[in-house]
Amino acid sequence: MTALDGYPMAQQGRGGVALSISAVSSFVGSTIAIGGIILFAPVLAQWSLAFGPAEYFALMIFAIACLGSMMAENPLKSFLAALIGLGLATVGVDANTGVYRFTFDSVHLSDGVQFIVVVIGLFSVSEILLMLESTSGGQKLVRKNRTHAV
């Protein structure tokens, strides 16, 4: 709500009040959340230990459905991103059976794909695509700024 209410308040010259309200509400909300975690952690721990393969599968399906609802403007793209993420998560040795999945006989992939490697790779791929978009045949393309009527 800070982004929705804070900007209009800053436009009215009440930016300090908006920051104070944001800080106090963040503190109160965090305190209530920590109290809830302290109270419900033992119950949640017992419940999570009872999870089996079927429950994990249902949880993954629920997470993918939540991704689709959050990306309402392009749900196909969010489902594709979730499936790519699930595919990367399955690389390595299965904890239950010891079977190697998607390692392609590489010892380096037996532990799975490290998160930081994926993040750096995705950042570099996005930068490469941006560079390919902004250059053409050795000549740099210049974008013209558009002016929109208010």
C-alpha atoms as a PDB file:
ATOM      1  CA  MET A   1       0.000   0.000   0.000  1.00  0.00           C
ATOM      2  CA  THR A   2       3.009   2.295   0.363  1.00  0.00           C
ATOM      3  CA  ALA A   3       3.315   2.575  -3.405  1.00  0.00           C
ATOM      4  CA  LEU A   4      -0.386   3.362  -3.793  1.00  0.00           C
ATOM      5  CA  ASP A   5      -0.809   5.782  -0.892  1.00  0.00           C
ATOM      6  CA  GLY A   6       2.742   7.043  -0.395  1.00  0.00           C
ATOM      7  CA  TYR A   7       3.190   8.642  -3.799  1.00  0.00           C
ATOM      8  CA  PRO A   8       0.019  10.775  -3.643  1.00  0.00           C
ATOM      9  CA  MET A   9       0.943  11.826  -0.107  1.00  0.00           C
ATOM     10  CA  ALA A  10       4.436  12.803  -1.276  1.00  0.00           C
ATOM     11  CA  GLN A  11       2.864  14.839  -4.080  1.00  0.00           C
ATOM     12  CA  GLN A  12       0.849  16.701  -1.438  1.00  0.00           C
ATOM     13  CA  GLY A  13       4.021  17.447   0.541  1.00  0.00           C
ATOM     14  CA  ARG A  14       3.392  14.812   3.210  1.00  0.00           C
ATOM     15  CA  GLY A  15       6.210  12.404   2.300  1.00  0.00           C
ATOM     16  CA  GLY A  16       7.525  12.242   5.874  1.00  0.00           C
ATOM     17  CA  VAL A  17       4.120  11.217   7.178  1.00  0.00           C
ATOM     18  CA  ALA A  18       3.875   8.530   4.484  1.00  0.00           C
ATOM     19  CA  LEU A  19       7.289   7.127   5.440  1.00  0.00           C
ATOM     20  CA  SER A  20       6.363   7.140   9.136  1.00  0.00           C
ATOM     21  CA  ILE A  21       3.092   5.316   8.483  1.00  0.00           C
ATOM     22  CA  SER A  22       4.940   2.798   6.311  1.00  0.00           C
ATOM     23  CA  ALA A  23       7.611   2.141   8.950  1.00  0.00           C
ATOM     24  CA  VAL A  24       5.124   1.753  11.810  1.00  0.00           C
ATOM     25  CA  SER A  25       2.791  -0.512   9.842  1.00  0.00           C
ATOM     26  CA  SER A  26       5.735  -2.630   8.686  1.00  0.00           C
ATOM     27  CA  PHE A  27       6.909  -3.029  12.293  1.00  0.00           C
ATOM     28  CA  VAL A  28       3.435  -3.917  13.575  1.00  0.00           C
ATOM     29  CA  GLY A  29       2.804  -6.382  10.751  1.00  0.00           C
ATOM     30  CA  SER A  30       6.187  -8.055  11.220  1.00  0.00           C
ATOM     31  CA  THR A  31       5.655  -8.333  14.976  1.00  0.00           C
ATOM     32  CA  ILE A  32       2.258  -9.977  14.498  1.00  0.00           C
ATOM     33  CA  ALA A  33       3.699 -12.342  11.863  1.00  0.00           C
ATOM     34  CA  ILE A  34       6.598 -13.377  14.105  1.00  0.00           C
ATOM     35  CA  GLY A  35       4.168 -14.017  16.960  1.00  0.00           C
ATOM     36  CA  GLY A  36       2.037 -16.166  14.664  1.00  0.00           C
ATOM     37  CA  ILE A  37       5.060 -18.138  13.520  1.00  0.00           C
ATOM     38  CA  ILE A  38       6.127 -18.729  17.126  1.00  0.00           C
ATOM     39  CA  LEU A  39       2.646 -19.945  18.067  1.00  0.00           C
ATOM     40  CA  PHE A  40       2.001 -22.154  15.052  1.00  0.00           C
ATOM     41  CA  ALA A  41       5.516 -23.482  14.305  1.00  0.00           C
ATOM     42  CA  PRO A  42       5.153 -26.724  16.319  1.00  0.00           C
ATOM     43  CA  VAL A  43       1.818 -27.541  14.682  1.00  0.00           C
ATOM     44  CA  LEU A  44       3.150 -26.742  11.205  1.00  0.00           C
ATOM     45  CA  ALA A  45       6.269 -28.845  11.842  1.00  0.00           C
ATOM     46  CA  GLN A  46       4.196 -31.898  12.788  1.00  0.00           C
ATOM     47  CA  TRP A  47       1.925 -31.365   9.801  1.00  0.00           C
ATOM     48  CA  SER A  48       4.830 -30.989   7.365  1.00  0.00           C
ATOM     49  CA  LEU A  49       6.478 -34.193   8.609  1.00  0.00           C
ATOM     50  CA  ALA A  50       3.340 -36.088   7.579  1.00  0.00           C
ATOM     51  CA  PHE A  51       3.757 -34.964   3.941  1.00  0.00           C
ATOM     52  CA  GLY A  52       4.268 -37.736   1.433  1.00  0.00           C
ATOM     53  CA  PRO A  53       4.820 -37.786  -2.333  1.00  0.00           C
ATOM     54  CA  ALA A  54       1.146 -37.183  -3.120  1.00  0.00           C
ATOM     55  CA  GLU A  55       1.022 -34.108  -0.889  1.00  0.00           C
ATOM     56  CA  TYR A  56       4.214 -32.710  -2.414  1.00  0.00           C
ATOM     57  CA  PHE A  57       2.738 -33.206  -5.880  1.00  0.00           C
ATOM     58  CA  ALA A  58      -0.471 -31.424  -4.848  1.00  0.00           C
ATOM     59  CA  LEU A  59       1.594 -28.597  -3.355  1.00  0.00           C
ATOM     60  CA  MET A  60       3.508 -28.177  -6.615  1.00  0.00           C
ATOM     61  CA  ILE A  61       0.294 -28.113  -8.645  1.00  0.00           C
ATOM     62  CA  PHE A  62      -1.107 -25.515  -6.248  1.00  0.00           C
ATOM     63  CA  ALA A  63       2.052 -23.395  -6.615  1.00  0.00           C
ATOM     64  CA  ILE A  64       1.825 -23.534 -10.413  1.00  0.00           C
ATOM     65  CA  ALA A  65      -1.853 -22.544 -10.252  1.00  0.00           C
ATOM     66  CA  CYS A  66      -0.969 -19.614  -7.987  1.00  0.00           C
ATOM     67  CA  LEU A  67       1.673 -18.500 -10.478  1.00  0.00           C
ATOM     68  CA  GLY A  68      -0.919 -18.552 -13.231  1.00  0.00           C
ATOM     69  CA  SER A  69      -3.310 -16.412 -11.240  1.00  0.00           C
ATOM     70  CA  MET A  70      -0.614 -13.905 -10.292  1.00  0.00           C
ATOM     71  CA  MET A  71       0.436 -13.453 -13.904  1.00  0.00           C
ATOM     72  CA  ALA A  72      -3.081 -12.819 -15.165  1.00  0.00           C
ATOM     73  CA  GLU A  73      -1.982 -10.822 -18.200  1.00  0.00           C
ATOM     74  CA  ASN A  74       0.148 -13.666 -19.599  1.00  0.00           C
ATOM     75  CA  PRO A  75      -0.499 -16.988 -17.808  1.00  0.00           C
ATOM     76  CA  LEU A  76       1.176 -19.050 -20.542  1.00  0.00           C
ATOM     77  CA  LYS A  77       4.478 -17.306 -19.882  1.00  0.00           C
ATOM     78  CA  SER A  78       4.217 -17.922 -16.134  1.00  0.00           C
ATOM     79  CA  PHE A  79       3.370 -21.614 -16.642  1.00  0.00           C
ATOM     80  CA  LEU A  80       6.328 -21.965 -19.000  1.00  0.00           C
ATOM     81  CA  ALA A  81       8.636 -20.299 -16.457  1.00  0.00           C
ATOM     82  CA  ALA A  82       7.330 -22.596 -13.709  1.00  0.00           C
ATOM     83  CA  LEU A  83       7.881 -25.693 -15.844  1.00  0.00           C
ATOM     84  CA  ILE A  84      11.428 -24.592 -16.665  1.00  0.00           C
ATOM     85  CA  GLY A  85      12.036 -24.053 -12.948  1.00  0.00           C
ATOM     86  CA  LEU A  86      10.662 -27.489 -12.115  1.00  0.00           C
ATOM     87  CA  GLY A  87      12.821 -28.998 -14.834  1.00  0.00           C
ATOM     88  CA  LEU A  88      15.940 -27.381 -13.386  1.00  0.00           C
ATOM     89  CA  ALA A  89      14.939 -28.530  -9.897  1.00  0.00           C
ATOM     90  CA  THR A  90      14.795 -32.181 -10.988  1.00  0.00           C
ATOM     91  CA  VAL A  91      18.435 -32.267 -12.108  1.00  0.00           C
ATOM     92  CA  GLY A  92      20.587 -34.387  -9.796  1.00  0.00           C
ATOM     93  CA  VAL A  93      20.248 -37.515  -7.695  1.00  0.00           C
ATOM     94  CA  ASP A  94      16.785 -38.510  -6.506  1.00  0.00           C
ATOM     95  CA  ALA A  95      16.818 -38.515  -2.700  1.00  0.00           C
ATOM     96  CA  ASN A  96      14.500 -41.526  -2.414  1.00  0.00           C
ATOM     97  CA  THR A  97      15.776 -43.889  -5.092  1.00  0.00           C
ATOM     98  CA  GLY A  98      19.332 -42.694  -5.787  1.00  0.00           C
ATOM     99  CA  VAL A  99      18.618 -42.533  -9.523  1.00  0.00           C
ATOM    100  CA  TYR A 100      20.473 -39.874 -11.513  1.00  0.00           C
ATOM    101  CA  ARG A 101      18.027 -37.532 -13.275  1.00  0.00           C
ATOM    102  CA  PHE A 102      19.062 -35.337 -16.217  1.00  0.00           C
ATOM    103  CA  THR A 103      22.764 -35.429 -15.326  1.00  0.00           C
ATOM    104  CA  PHE A 104      23.875 -36.709 -18.769  1.00  0.00           C
ATOM    105  CA  ASP A 105      26.697 -38.714 -17.114  1.00  0.00           C
ATOM    106  CA  SER A 106      28.239 -35.534 -15.700  1.00  0.00           C
ATOM    107  CA  VAL A 107      29.538 -35.719 -12.147  1.00  0.00           C
ATOM    108  CA  HIS A 108      29.157 -31.943 -11.775  1.00  0.00           C
ATOM    109  CA  LEU A 109      25.386 -32.186 -12.172  1.00  0.00           C
ATOM    110  CA  SER A 110      24.919 -34.943  -9.586  1.00  0.00           C
ATOM    111  CA  ASP A 111      24.318 -32.347  -6.844  1.00  0.00           C
ATOM    112  CA  GLY A 112      21.814 -30.503  -9.016  1.00  0.00           C
ATOM    113  CA  VAL A 113      21.941 -27.036 -10.508  1.00  0.00           C
ATOM    114  CA  GLN A 114      23.051 -24.383  -8.045  1.00  0.00           C
ATOM    115  CA  PHE A 115      20.731 -21.393  -7.677  1.00  0.00           C
ATOM    116  CA  ILE A 116      23.428 -18.760  -8.121  1.00  0.00           C
ATOM    117  CA  VAL A 117      24.548 -20.381 -11.384  1.00  0.00           C
ATOM    118  CA  VAL A 118      20.997 -20.180 -12.738  1.00  0.00           C
ATOM    119  CA  VAL A 119      20.643 -16.535 -11.674  1.00  0.00           C
ATOM    120  CA  ILE A 120      23.943 -15.516 -13.279  1.00  0.00           C
ATOM    121  CA  GLY A 121      23.071 -17.457 -16.433  1.00  0.00           C
ATOM    122  CA  LEU A 122      19.640 -15.858 -16.731  1.00  0.00           C
ATOM    123  CA  PHE A 123      21.131 -12.407 -16.181  1.00  0.00           C
ATOM    124  CA  SER A 124      23.718 -12.971 -18.893  1.00  0.00           C
ATOM    125  CA  VAL A 125      21.116 -14.346 -21.327  1.00  0.00           C
ATOM    126  CA  SER A 126      18.897 -11.305 -20.781  1.00  0.00           C
ATOM    127  CA  GLU A 127      21.858  -8.961 -21.327  1.00  0.00           C
ATOM    128  CA  ILE A 128      22.811 -10.780 -24.523  1.00  0.00           C
ATOM    129  CA  LEU A 129      19.245 -10.480 -25.820  1.00  0.00           C
ATOM    130  CA  LEU A 130      19.192  -6.768 -24.967  1.00  0.00           C
ATOM    131  CA  MET A 131      22.491  -6.265 -26.781  1.00  0.00           C
ATOM    132  CA  LEU A 132      21.208  -8.145 -29.831  1.00  0.00           C
ATOM    133  CA  GLU A 133      18.089  -6.013 -29.829  1.00  0.00           C
ATOM    134  CA  SER A 134      19.958  -2.712 -29.653  1.00  0.00           C
ATOM    135  CA  THR A 135      22.585  -3.457 -32.342  1.00  0.00           C
ATOM    136  CA  SER A 136      22.174  -4.339 -35.980  1.00  0.00           C
ATOM    137  CA  GLY A 137      25.006  -5.238 -38.351  1.00  0.00           C
ATOM    138  CA  GLY A 138      27.694  -3.492 -36.327  1.00  0.00           C
ATOM    139  CA  GLN A 139      25.683  -0.278 -36.192  1.00  0.00           C
ATOM    140  CA  LYS A 140      24.169   0.883 -32.973  1.00  0.00           C
ATOM    141  CA  LEU A 141      20.460   1.631 -33.164  1.00  0.00           C
ATOM    142  CA  VAL A 142      19.237   4.706 -31.355  1.00  0.00           C
ATOM    143  CA  ARG A 143      15.822   4.603 -29.756  1.00  0.00           C
ATOM    144  CA  LYS A 144      13.678   7.680 -29.978  1.00  0.00           C
ATOM    145  CA  ASN A 145      11.750   8.646 -26.898  1.00  0.00           C
ATOM    146  CA  ARG A 146       8.030   8.743 -27.336  1.00  0.00           C
ATOM    147  CA  THR A 147       6.012  11.515 -25.843  1.00  0.00           C
ATOM    148  CA  HIS A 148       2.632  10.555 -24.544  1.00  0.00           C
ATOM    149  CA  ALA A 149      -0.245  12.944 -24.150  1.00  0.00           C
ATOM    150  CA  VAL A 150      -1.310  13.229 -20.548  1.00  0.00           C
END
